[in-house]
Amino acid sequence: MIAPIIIASIAILYYVAIIVLFAIMPGIPDIVRVLMVVIPLILAGLMLGVLISRIKEIQGGEEDDLSQY
C-alpha cells in the first residue's frame, strides 16, 4: 500500500508546484494563468480520487488488478 501513496504524493506535489509556479510568474495573460492553475488542480484532485480508490481495492483484498482480466 506504500507504493501507490508515494507515487500519488509525488504526482500531487508536482501539480501543486505547477500551480504555484504559474500563479507567481509575472507577465502571463490572465486566461493562461487561470487555465494553468485550474487544469493541474483538477489533475491533482483526480489523482487523489484514484489513490482513494486504489487504497479501497487493496483493503478489500484486491492487490492484483490483473486477476480481473
N, C-alpha and C. Protein backbone atom coordinates (compact mmCIF):
# COMPACT_ATOMS: atom_id res chain seq x y z
N MET A 1 0.82 -1.19 0.00
CA MET A 1 0.00 0.00 0.00
C MET A 1 0.88 1.26 0.00
N ILE A 2 2.13 1.12 0.32
CA ILE A 2 3.03 2.27 0.38
C ILE A 2 3.31 2.85 -1.01
N ALA A 3 3.51 1.99 -2.00
CA ALA A 3 3.88 2.46 -3.34
C ALA A 3 2.82 3.39 -3.96
N PRO A 4 1.54 3.05 -3.94
CA PRO A 4 0.56 3.97 -4.51
C PRO A 4 0.52 5.32 -3.79
N ILE A 5 0.70 5.30 -2.48
CA ILE A 5 0.69 6.55 -1.72
C ILE A 5 1.88 7.42 -2.09
N ILE A 6 3.05 6.82 -2.24
CA ILE A 6 4.24 7.58 -2.59
C ILE A 6 4.11 8.16 -4.00
N ILE A 7 3.69 7.34 -4.95
CA ILE A 7 3.57 7.80 -6.33
C ILE A 7 2.51 8.90 -6.45
N ALA A 8 1.37 8.72 -5.79
CA ALA A 8 0.32 9.74 -5.85
C ALA A 8 0.79 11.02 -5.17
N SER A 9 1.51 10.91 -4.08
CA SER A 9 2.02 12.10 -3.39
C SER A 9 2.99 12.87 -4.27
N ILE A 10 3.87 12.17 -4.96
CA ILE A 10 4.81 12.83 -5.87
C ILE A 10 4.06 13.54 -6.99
N ALA A 11 3.06 12.87 -7.57
CA ALA A 11 2.30 13.49 -8.66
C ALA A 11 1.52 14.70 -8.17
N ILE A 12 0.91 14.61 -6.99
CA ILE A 12 0.16 15.74 -6.45
C ILE A 12 1.09 16.91 -6.14
N LEU A 13 2.26 16.62 -5.58
CA LEU A 13 3.23 17.69 -5.32
C LEU A 13 3.69 18.35 -6.62
N TYR A 14 3.84 17.57 -7.66
CA TYR A 14 4.22 18.10 -8.98
C TYR A 14 3.15 19.06 -9.49
N TYR A 15 1.89 18.66 -9.40
CA TYR A 15 0.80 19.52 -9.86
C TYR A 15 0.70 20.79 -9.02
N VAL A 16 0.91 20.67 -7.72
CA VAL A 16 0.89 21.85 -6.85
C VAL A 16 2.05 22.78 -7.20
N ALA A 17 3.21 22.23 -7.51
CA ALA A 17 4.35 23.06 -7.90
C ALA A 17 4.05 23.81 -9.19
N ILE A 18 3.39 23.18 -10.13
CA ILE A 18 3.00 23.85 -11.38
C ILE A 18 2.02 24.99 -11.08
N ILE A 19 1.07 24.74 -10.19
CA ILE A 19 0.10 25.77 -9.81
C ILE A 19 0.82 26.97 -9.22
N VAL A 20 1.72 26.71 -8.27
CA VAL A 20 2.44 27.80 -7.61
C VAL A 20 3.31 28.56 -8.62
N LEU A 21 3.98 27.82 -9.48
CA LEU A 21 4.85 28.45 -10.48
C LEU A 21 4.08 29.41 -11.37
N PHE A 22 2.96 28.97 -11.91
CA PHE A 22 2.20 29.82 -12.81
C PHE A 22 1.43 30.90 -12.06
N ALA A 23 1.12 30.68 -10.79
CA ALA A 23 0.41 31.70 -10.02
C ALA A 23 1.31 32.89 -9.70
N ILE A 24 2.61 32.65 -9.51
CA ILE A 24 3.50 33.75 -9.14
C ILE A 24 4.31 34.30 -10.32
N MET A 25 4.25 33.65 -11.47
CA MET A 25 5.03 34.09 -12.62
C MET A 25 4.41 35.36 -13.22
N PRO A 26 5.19 36.44 -13.31
CA PRO A 26 4.65 37.69 -13.85
C PRO A 26 4.61 37.67 -15.38
N GLY A 27 3.73 38.48 -15.94
CA GLY A 27 3.69 38.67 -17.38
C GLY A 27 2.87 37.65 -18.15
N ILE A 28 2.14 36.81 -17.46
CA ILE A 28 1.32 35.81 -18.13
C ILE A 28 -0.11 36.36 -18.24
N PRO A 29 -0.73 36.24 -19.40
CA PRO A 29 -2.13 36.70 -19.52
C PRO A 29 -3.03 35.96 -18.53
N ASP A 30 -4.07 36.64 -18.10
CA ASP A 30 -4.94 36.09 -17.06
C ASP A 30 -5.60 34.77 -17.45
N ILE A 31 -6.03 34.65 -18.69
CA ILE A 31 -6.70 33.41 -19.12
C ILE A 31 -5.74 32.22 -19.06
N VAL A 32 -4.49 32.44 -19.45
CA VAL A 32 -3.49 31.37 -19.39
C VAL A 32 -3.20 31.02 -17.94
N ARG A 33 -3.11 32.05 -17.10
CA ARG A 33 -2.86 31.83 -15.67
C ARG A 33 -3.98 30.99 -15.05
N VAL A 34 -5.22 31.33 -15.39
CA VAL A 34 -6.36 30.59 -14.84
C VAL A 34 -6.32 29.14 -15.32
N LEU A 35 -6.07 28.94 -16.61
CA LEU A 35 -6.01 27.57 -17.14
C LEU A 35 -4.88 26.77 -16.51
N MET A 36 -3.72 27.41 -16.32
CA MET A 36 -2.57 26.70 -15.76
C MET A 36 -2.67 26.52 -14.25
N VAL A 37 -3.70 27.06 -13.65
CA VAL A 37 -3.99 26.78 -12.24
C VAL A 37 -5.11 25.75 -12.14
N VAL A 38 -6.14 25.91 -12.96
CA VAL A 38 -7.31 25.04 -12.87
C VAL A 38 -7.00 23.62 -13.36
N ILE A 39 -6.31 23.49 -14.47
CA ILE A 39 -6.04 22.15 -15.03
C ILE A 39 -5.20 21.29 -14.09
N PRO A 40 -4.07 21.78 -13.55
CA PRO A 40 -3.35 20.94 -12.59
C PRO A 40 -4.13 20.68 -11.31
N LEU A 41 -4.98 21.62 -10.91
CA LEU A 41 -5.81 21.41 -9.73
C LEU A 41 -6.79 20.25 -9.96
N ILE A 42 -7.38 20.21 -11.14
CA ILE A 42 -8.27 19.10 -11.48
C ILE A 42 -7.50 17.78 -11.52
N LEU A 43 -6.31 17.80 -12.13
CA LEU A 43 -5.50 16.58 -12.19
C LEU A 43 -5.08 16.11 -10.80
N ALA A 44 -4.76 17.03 -9.91
CA ALA A 44 -4.40 16.65 -8.54
C ALA A 44 -5.60 16.03 -7.84
N GLY A 45 -6.78 16.58 -8.05
CA GLY A 45 -7.99 16.01 -7.47
C GLY A 45 -8.29 14.62 -8.00
N LEU A 46 -8.10 14.44 -9.30
CA LEU A 46 -8.30 13.12 -9.90
C LEU A 46 -7.30 12.11 -9.35
N MET A 47 -6.05 12.55 -9.18
CA MET A 47 -5.02 11.66 -8.63
C MET A 47 -5.39 11.24 -7.21
N LEU A 48 -5.91 12.18 -6.43
CA LEU A 48 -6.34 11.85 -5.07
C LEU A 48 -7.50 10.85 -5.10
N GLY A 49 -8.43 11.03 -6.03
CA GLY A 49 -9.54 10.09 -6.17
C GLY A 49 -9.08 8.70 -6.57
N VAL A 50 -8.12 8.62 -7.47
CA VAL A 50 -7.57 7.33 -7.89
C VAL A 50 -6.84 6.67 -6.72
N LEU A 51 -6.12 7.46 -5.94
CA LEU A 51 -5.43 6.91 -4.77
C LEU A 51 -6.42 6.34 -3.77
N ILE A 52 -7.48 7.06 -3.49
CA ILE A 52 -8.50 6.56 -2.56
C ILE A 52 -9.13 5.28 -3.09
N SER A 53 -9.41 5.23 -4.38
CA SER A 53 -9.97 4.03 -4.99
C SER A 53 -9.01 2.85 -4.87
N ARG A 54 -7.73 3.10 -5.11
CA ARG A 54 -6.73 2.03 -5.03
C ARG A 54 -6.56 1.53 -3.60
N ILE A 55 -6.60 2.42 -2.64
CA ILE A 55 -6.49 2.01 -1.23
C ILE A 55 -7.69 1.14 -0.85
N LYS A 56 -8.88 1.50 -1.32
CA LYS A 56 -10.07 0.68 -1.05
C LYS A 56 -9.93 -0.70 -1.69
N GLU A 57 -9.38 -0.76 -2.91
CA GLU A 57 -9.15 -2.05 -3.56
C GLU A 57 -8.20 -2.91 -2.76
N ILE A 58 -7.11 -2.32 -2.30
CA ILE A 58 -6.11 -3.08 -1.54
C ILE A 58 -6.71 -3.56 -0.22
N GLN A 59 -7.46 -2.71 0.45
CA GLN A 59 -8.07 -3.11 1.72
C GLN A 59 -9.14 -4.18 1.52
N GLY A 60 -9.74 -4.20 0.35
CA GLY A 60 -10.75 -5.22 0.04
C GLY A 60 -10.13 -6.53 -0.40
N GLY A 61 -8.83 -6.62 -0.42
CA GLY A 61 -8.16 -7.86 -0.77
C GLY A 61 -7.77 -7.97 -2.23
N GLU A 62 -8.03 -6.95 -3.00
CA GLU A 62 -7.71 -6.97 -4.43
C GLU A 62 -6.36 -6.27 -4.65
N GLU A 63 -5.29 -7.00 -4.44
CA GLU A 63 -3.96 -6.42 -4.59
C GLU A 63 -3.46 -6.46 -6.02
N ASP A 64 -3.98 -7.36 -6.81
CA ASP A 64 -3.51 -7.52 -8.18
C ASP A 64 -4.68 -7.30 -9.13
N ASP A 65 -4.65 -6.23 -9.90
CA ASP A 65 -5.73 -5.93 -10.84
C ASP A 65 -5.77 -6.88 -12.02
N LEU A 66 -4.70 -7.60 -12.27
CA LEU A 66 -4.66 -8.50 -13.42
C LEU A 66 -5.61 -9.68 -13.28
N SER A 67 -6.06 -9.97 -12.05
CA SER A 67 -6.98 -11.08 -11.87
C SER A 67 -8.34 -10.78 -12.47
N GLN A 68 -8.64 -9.55 -12.77
CA GLN A 68 -9.93 -9.19 -13.35
C GLN A 68 -9.98 -9.48 -14.85
N TYR A 69 -8.83 -9.73 -15.47
CA TYR A 69 -8.78 -9.89 -16.92
C TYR A 69 -8.48 -11.29 -17.33
